[in-house]
Amino acid sequence: MVLEQLLNEIVEIFEHVHLSRKRPQLYQNKSIYACEDIPRLSFQIVSDSNNNVATANQNADNINQ
């Protein structure tokens, strides 16, 4: 489980790096670590206010659909 979580986090970081180079305006032309409002990726899992888990694909504000 730990290795799976580590792999997921590495993939997320690489995807953010790729997108920040491709579309820097999404990250306010800053590093992914300096950006205050990091966009949600299409494969990230999010929770709604009722603690129901949904994939970010179901949300309209995804950046890389």
PDB file of N, CA and C in Angstrom:
ATOM      1  N   MET A   1       0.829  -1.199   0.000  1.00  0.00           N
ATOM      2  CA  MET A   1       0.000   0.000   0.000  1.00  0.00           C
ATOM      3  C   MET A   1       0.868   1.256   0.000  1.00  0.00           C
ATOM      4  N   VAL A   2       1.956   1.218   0.744  1.00  0.00           N
ATOM      5  CA  VAL A   2       2.840   2.389   0.813  1.00  0.00           C
ATOM      6  C   VAL A   2       3.471   2.654  -0.551  1.00  0.00           C
ATOM      7  N   LEU A   3       3.938   1.608  -1.205  1.00  0.00           N
ATOM      8  CA  LEU A   3       4.549   1.776  -2.523  1.00  0.00           C
ATOM      9  C   LEU A   3       3.531   2.256  -3.557  1.00  0.00           C
ATOM     10  N   GLU A   4       2.309   1.774  -3.471  1.00  0.00           N
ATOM     11  CA  GLU A   4       1.265   2.231  -4.378  1.00  0.00           C
ATOM     12  C   GLU A   4       0.966   3.713  -4.177  1.00  0.00           C
ATOM     13  N   GLN A   5       0.890   4.147  -2.931  1.00  0.00           N
ATOM     14  CA  GLN A   5       0.644   5.555  -2.640  1.00  0.00           C
ATOM     15  C   GLN A   5       1.803   6.421  -3.130  1.00  0.00           C
ATOM     16  N   LEU A   6       3.026   5.945  -2.923  1.00  0.00           N
ATOM     17  CA  LEU A   6       4.202   6.674  -3.385  1.00  0.00           C
ATOM     18  C   LEU A   6       4.186   6.807  -4.907  1.00  0.00           C
ATOM     19  N   LEU A   7       3.857   5.731  -5.595  1.00  0.00           N
ATOM     20  CA  LEU A   7       3.771   5.769  -7.045  1.00  0.00           C
ATOM     21  C   LEU A   7       2.701   6.757  -7.507  1.00  0.00           C
ATOM     22  N   ASN A   8       1.543   6.748  -6.866  1.00  0.00           N
ATOM     23  CA  ASN A   8       0.472   7.699  -7.214  1.00  0.00           C
ATOM     24  C   ASN A   8       0.925   9.139  -7.043  1.00  0.00           C
ATOM     25  N   GLU A   9       1.627   9.419  -5.962  1.00  0.00           N
ATOM     26  CA  GLU A   9       2.091  10.785  -5.716  1.00  0.00           C
ATOM     27  C   GLU A   9       3.152  11.205  -6.721  1.00  0.00           C
ATOM     28  N   ILE A  10       4.024  10.295  -7.101  1.00  0.00           N
ATOM     29  CA  ILE A  10       5.044  10.613  -8.098  1.00  0.00           C
ATOM     30  C   ILE A  10       4.398  10.909  -9.442  1.00  0.00           C
ATOM     31  N   VAL A  11       3.407  10.126  -9.823  1.00  0.00           N
ATOM     32  CA  VAL A  11       2.695  10.362 -11.087  1.00  0.00           C
ATOM     33  C   VAL A  11       2.006  11.724 -11.055  1.00  0.00           C
ATOM     34  N   GLU A  12       1.388  12.069  -9.939  1.00  0.00           N
ATOM     35  CA  GLU A  12       0.726  13.379  -9.823  1.00  0.00           C
ATOM     36  C   GLU A  12       1.733  14.506  -9.967  1.00  0.00           C
ATOM     37  N   ILE A  13       2.878  14.387  -9.323  1.00  0.00           N
ATOM     38  CA  ILE A  13       3.899  15.433  -9.409  1.00  0.00           C
ATOM     39  C   ILE A  13       4.393  15.584 -10.843  1.00  0.00           C
ATOM     40  N   PHE A  14       4.694  14.461 -11.504  1.00  0.00           N
ATOM     41  CA  PHE A  14       5.150  14.532 -12.892  1.00  0.00           C
ATOM     42  C   PHE A  14       4.094  15.135 -13.803  1.00  0.00           C
ATOM     43  N   GLU A  15       2.848  14.805 -13.589  1.00  0.00           N
ATOM     44  CA  GLU A  15       1.777  15.368 -14.404  1.00  0.00           C
ATOM     45  C   GLU A  15       1.662  16.879 -14.180  1.00  0.00           C
ATOM     46  N   HIS A  16       1.785  17.314 -12.942  1.00  0.00           N
ATOM     47  CA  HIS A  16       1.756  18.757 -12.665  1.00  0.00           C
ATOM     48  C   HIS A  16       2.948  19.468 -13.290  1.00  0.00           C
ATOM     49  N   VAL A  17       4.121  18.859 -13.241  1.00  0.00           N
ATOM     50  CA  VAL A  17       5.304  19.461 -13.871  1.00  0.00           C
ATOM     51  C   VAL A  17       5.084  19.583 -15.373  1.00  0.00           C
ATOM     52  N   HIS A  18       4.581  18.525 -15.981  1.00  0.00           N
ATOM     53  CA  HIS A  18       4.313  18.543 -17.418  1.00  0.00           C
ATOM     54  C   HIS A  18       3.306  19.640 -17.776  1.00  0.00           C
ATOM     55  N   LEU A  19       2.216  19.702 -17.044  1.00  0.00           N
ATOM     56  CA  LEU A  19       1.197  20.720 -17.331  1.00  0.00           C
ATOM     57  C   LEU A  19       1.684  22.132 -17.057  1.00  0.00           C
ATOM     58  N   SER A  20       2.507  22.301 -16.031  1.00  0.00           N
ATOM     59  CA  SER A  20       3.008  23.649 -15.733  1.00  0.00           C
ATOM     60  C   SER A  20       3.938  24.140 -16.832  1.00  0.00           C
ATOM     61  N   ARG A  21       4.595  23.225 -17.518  1.00  0.00           N
ATOM     62  CA  ARG A  21       5.439  23.609 -18.650  1.00  0.00           C
ATOM     63  C   ARG A  21       4.603  23.827 -19.911  1.00  0.00           C
ATOM     64  N   LYS A  22       3.553  23.034 -20.080  1.00  0.00           N
ATOM     65  CA  LYS A  22       2.701  23.118 -21.261  1.00  0.00           C
ATOM     66  C   LYS A  22       1.722  24.292 -21.165  1.00  0.00           C
ATOM     67  N   ARG A  23       1.133  24.490 -19.978  1.00  0.00           N
ATOM     68  CA  ARG A  23       0.145  25.555 -19.755  1.00  0.00           C
ATOM     69  C   ARG A  23       0.466  26.305 -18.462  1.00  0.00           C
ATOM     70  N   PRO A  24       1.509  27.137 -18.452  1.00  0.00           N
ATOM     71  CA  PRO A  24       1.953  27.803 -17.220  1.00  0.00           C
ATOM     72  C   PRO A  24       0.907  28.735 -16.602  1.00  0.00           C
ATOM     73  N   GLN A  25      -0.054  29.212 -17.391  1.00  0.00           N
ATOM     74  CA  GLN A  25      -1.075  30.100 -16.848  1.00  0.00           C
ATOM     75  C   GLN A  25      -1.936  29.400 -15.798  1.00  0.00           C
ATOM     76  N   LEU A  26      -2.075  28.079 -15.885  1.00  0.00           N
ATOM     77  CA  LEU A  26      -2.853  27.332 -14.889  1.00  0.00           C
ATOM     78  C   LEU A  26      -2.198  27.374 -13.510  1.00  0.00           C
ATOM     79  N   TYR A  27      -0.913  27.623 -13.491  1.00  0.00           N
ATOM     80  CA  TYR A  27      -0.148  27.640 -12.240  1.00  0.00           C
ATOM     81  C   TYR A  27       0.340  29.048 -11.916  1.00  0.00           C
ATOM     82  N   GLN A  28      -0.310  30.034 -12.465  1.00  0.00           N
ATOM     83  CA  GLN A  28       0.032  31.442 -12.286  1.00  0.00           C
ATOM     84  C   GLN A  28       1.490  31.717 -12.637  1.00  0.00           C
ATOM     85  N   ASN A  29       2.013  30.995 -13.638  1.00  0.00           N
ATOM     86  CA  ASN A  29       3.398  31.132 -14.094  1.00  0.00           C
ATOM     87  C   ASN A  29       4.403  30.943 -12.968  1.00  0.00           C
ATOM     88  N   LYS A  30       4.092  30.052 -12.036  1.00  0.00           N
ATOM     89  CA  LYS A  30       4.952  29.768 -10.890  1.00  0.00           C
ATOM     90  C   LYS A  30       5.302  28.289 -10.868  1.00  0.00           C
ATOM     91  N   SER A  31       6.192  27.935  -9.989  1.00  0.00           N
ATOM     92  CA  SER A  31       6.497  26.540  -9.727  1.00  0.00           C
ATOM     93  C   SER A  31       5.255  25.855  -9.179  1.00  0.00           C
ATOM     94  N   ILE A  32       5.147  24.551  -9.371  1.00  0.00           N
ATOM     95  CA  ILE A  32       3.990  23.836  -8.838  1.00  0.00           C
ATOM     96  C   ILE A  32       3.964  23.903  -7.316  1.00  0.00           C
ATOM     97  N   TYR A  33       5.107  24.122  -6.706  1.00  0.00           N
ATOM     98  CA  TYR A  33       5.178  24.201  -5.249  1.00  0.00           C
ATOM     99  C   TYR A  33       4.873  25.603  -4.729  1.00  0.00           C
ATOM    100  N   ALA A  34       5.002  26.616  -5.592  1.00  0.00           N
ATOM    101  CA  ALA A  34       4.735  27.994  -5.183  1.00  0.00           C
ATOM    102  C   ALA A  34       3.318  28.441  -5.531  1.00  0.00           C
ATOM    103  N   CYS A  35       2.646  27.672  -6.359  1.00  0.00           N
ATOM    104  CA  CYS A  35       1.293  28.010  -6.799  1.00  0.00           C
ATOM    105  C   CYS A  35       0.302  27.821  -5.649  1.00  0.00           C
ATOM    106  N   GLU A  36      -0.509  28.845  -5.398  1.00  0.00           N
ATOM    107  CA  GLU A  36      -1.481  28.773  -4.311  1.00  0.00           C
ATOM    108  C   GLU A  36      -2.695  27.928  -4.661  1.00  0.00           C
ATOM    109  N   ASP A  37      -3.063  27.888  -5.937  1.00  0.00           N
ATOM    110  CA  ASP A  37      -4.278  27.188  -6.365  1.00  0.00           C
ATOM    111  C   ASP A  37      -3.922  26.180  -7.457  1.00  0.00           C
ATOM    112  N   ILE A  38      -3.445  25.005  -7.047  1.00  0.00           N
ATOM    113  CA  ILE A  38      -3.042  23.983  -8.011  1.00  0.00           C
ATOM    114  C   ILE A  38      -4.298  23.346  -8.602  1.00  0.00           C
ATOM    115  N   PRO A  39      -4.377  23.287  -9.938  1.00  0.00           N
ATOM    116  CA  PRO A  39      -5.550  22.680 -10.564  1.00  0.00           C
ATOM    117  C   PRO A  39      -5.650  21.191 -10.273  1.00  0.00           C
ATOM    118  N   ARG A  40      -6.841  20.673 -10.267  1.00  0.00           N
ATOM    119  CA  ARG A  40      -7.080  19.256 -10.026  1.00  0.00           C
ATOM    120  C   ARG A  40      -6.876  18.493 -11.334  1.00  0.00           C
ATOM    121  N   LEU A  41      -6.229  17.345 -11.255  1.00  0.00           N
ATOM    122  CA  LEU A  41      -5.998  16.506 -12.427  1.00  0.00           C
ATOM    123  C   LEU A  41      -7.193  15.593 -12.655  1.00  0.00           C
ATOM    124  N   SER A  42      -7.339  15.104 -13.873  1.00  0.00           N
ATOM    125  CA  SER A  42      -8.510  14.300 -14.203  1.00  0.00           C
ATOM    126  C   SER A  42      -8.553  12.973 -13.468  1.00  0.00           C
ATOM    127  N   PHE A  43      -7.410  12.446 -13.043  1.00  0.00           N
ATOM    128  CA  PHE A  43      -7.400  11.138 -12.392  1.00  0.00           C
ATOM    129  C   PHE A  43      -7.341  11.213 -10.872  1.00  0.00           C
ATOM    130  N   GLN A  44      -7.313  12.407 -10.316  1.00  0.00           N
ATOM    131  CA  GLN A  44      -7.270  12.542  -8.865  1.00  0.00           C
ATOM    132  C   GLN A  44      -8.626  12.245  -8.254  1.00  0.00           C
ATOM    133  N   ILE A  45      -8.611  11.639  -7.086  1.00  0.00           N
ATOM    134  CA  ILE A  45      -9.836  11.322  -6.357  1.00  0.00           C
ATOM    135  C   ILE A  45     -10.122  12.458  -5.388  1.00  0.00           C
ATOM    136  N   VAL A  46     -11.372  12.896  -5.362  1.00  0.00           N
ATOM    137  CA  VAL A  46     -11.777  13.999  -4.489  1.00  0.00           C
ATOM    138  C   VAL A  46     -12.961  13.564  -3.637  1.00  0.00           C
ATOM    139  N   SER A  47     -13.174  14.256  -2.538  1.00  0.00           N
ATOM    140  CA  SER A  47     -14.330  14.003  -1.682  1.00  0.00           C
ATOM    141  C   SER A  47     -15.255  15.201  -1.756  1.00  0.00           C
ATOM    142  N   ASP A  48     -16.546  14.944  -1.762  1.00  0.00           N
ATOM    143  CA  ASP A  48     -17.489  16.050  -1.735  1.00  0.00           C
ATOM    144  C   ASP A  48     -17.863  16.357  -0.291  1.00  0.00           C
ATOM    145  N   SER A  49     -18.760  17.293  -0.079  1.00  0.00           N
ATOM    146  CA  SER A  49     -19.109  17.724   1.276  1.00  0.00           C
ATOM    147  C   SER A  49     -19.781  16.625   2.096  1.00  0.00           C
ATOM    148  N   ASN A  50     -20.327  15.600   1.433  1.00  0.00           N
ATOM    149  CA  ASN A  50     -20.978  14.499   2.139  1.00  0.00           C
ATOM    150  C   ASN A  50     -20.046  13.319   2.371  1.00  0.00           C
ATOM    151  N   ASN A  51     -18.749  13.541   2.157  1.00  0.00           N
ATOM    152  CA  ASN A  51     -17.728  12.506   2.299  1.00  0.00           C
ATOM    153  C   ASN A  51     -17.905  11.353   1.330  1.00  0.00           C
ATOM    154  N   ASN A  52     -18.608  11.581   0.241  1.00  0.00           N
ATOM    155  CA  ASN A  52     -18.706  10.583  -0.823  1.00  0.00           C
ATOM    156  C   ASN A  52     -17.512  10.771  -1.737  1.00  0.00           C
ATOM    157  N   VAL A  53     -16.843   9.693  -2.051  1.00  0.00           N
ATOM    158  CA  VAL A  53     -15.664   9.777  -2.903  1.00  0.00           C
ATOM    159  C   VAL A  53     -16.093   9.695  -4.355  1.00  0.00           C
ATOM    160  N   ALA A  54     -15.551  10.574  -5.163  1.00  0.00           N
ATOM    161  CA  ALA A  54     -15.839  10.591  -6.595  1.00  0.00           C
ATOM    162  C   ALA A  54     -14.542  10.888  -7.330  1.00  0.00           C
ATOM    163  N   THR A  55     -14.437  10.431  -8.546  1.00  0.00           N
ATOM    164  CA  THR A  55     -13.258  10.761  -9.320  1.00  0.00           C
ATOM    165  C   THR A  55     -13.397  12.173  -9.841  1.00  0.00           C
ATOM    166  N   ALA A  56     -12.277  12.803 -10.080  1.00  0.00           N
ATOM    167  CA  ALA A  56     -12.291  14.170 -10.578  1.00  0.00           C
ATOM    168  C   ALA A  56     -12.857  14.242 -11.988  1.00  0.00           C
ATOM    169  N   ASN A  57     -12.937  13.132 -12.695  1.00  0.00           N
ATOM    170  CA  ASN A  57     -13.547  13.132 -14.023  1.00  0.00           C
ATOM    171  C   ASN A  57     -14.996  13.572 -13.971  1.00  0.00           C
ATOM    172  N   GLN A  58     -15.652  13.396 -12.839  1.00  0.00           N
ATOM    173  CA  GLN A  58     -17.057  13.751 -12.713  1.00  0.00           C
ATOM    174  C   GLN A  58     -17.253  15.238 -12.424  1.00  0.00           C
ATOM    175  N   ASN A  59     -16.181  15.957 -12.212  1.00  0.00           N
ATOM    176  CA  ASN A  59     -16.279  17.381 -11.905  1.00  0.00           C
ATOM    177  C   ASN A  59     -16.011  18.201 -13.156  1.00  0.00           C
ATOM    178  N   ALA A  60     -16.657  19.341 -13.254  1.00  0.00           N
ATOM    179  CA  ALA A  60     -16.545  20.177 -14.455  1.00  0.00           C
ATOM    180  C   ALA A  60     -15.256  20.982 -14.506  1.00  0.00           C
ATOM    181  N   ASP A  61     -14.531  21.113 -13.387  1.00  0.00           N
ATOM    182  CA  ASP A  61     -13.371  21.987 -13.354  1.00  0.00           C
ATOM    183  C   ASP A  61     -12.048  21.265 -13.572  1.00  0.00           C
ATOM    184  N   ASN A  62     -12.061  20.137 -14.224  1.00  0.00           N
ATOM    185  CA  ASN A  62     -10.827  19.427 -14.509  1.00  0.00           C
ATOM    186  C   ASN A  62     -10.063  20.147 -15.612  1.00  0.00           C
ATOM    187  N   ILE A  63      -8.745  20.004 -15.569  1.00  0.00           N
ATOM    188  CA  ILE A  63      -7.937  20.745 -16.532  1.00  0.00           C
ATOM    189  C   ILE A  63      -7.477  19.918 -17.710  1.00  0.00           C
ATOM    190  N   ASN A  64      -7.437  18.617 -17.598  1.00  0.00           N
ATOM    191  CA  ASN A  64      -6.865  17.848 -18.694  1.00  0.00           C
ATOM    192  C   ASN A  64      -7.786  16.728 -19.142  1.00  0.00           C
ATOM    193  N   GLN A  65      -9.003  17.094 -19.461  1.00  0.00           N
ATOM    194  CA  GLN A  65      -9.948  16.095 -19.965  1.00  0.00           C
ATOM    195  C   GLN A  65      -9.772  15.955 -21.450  1.00  0.00           C
TER     196      GLN A  65
END
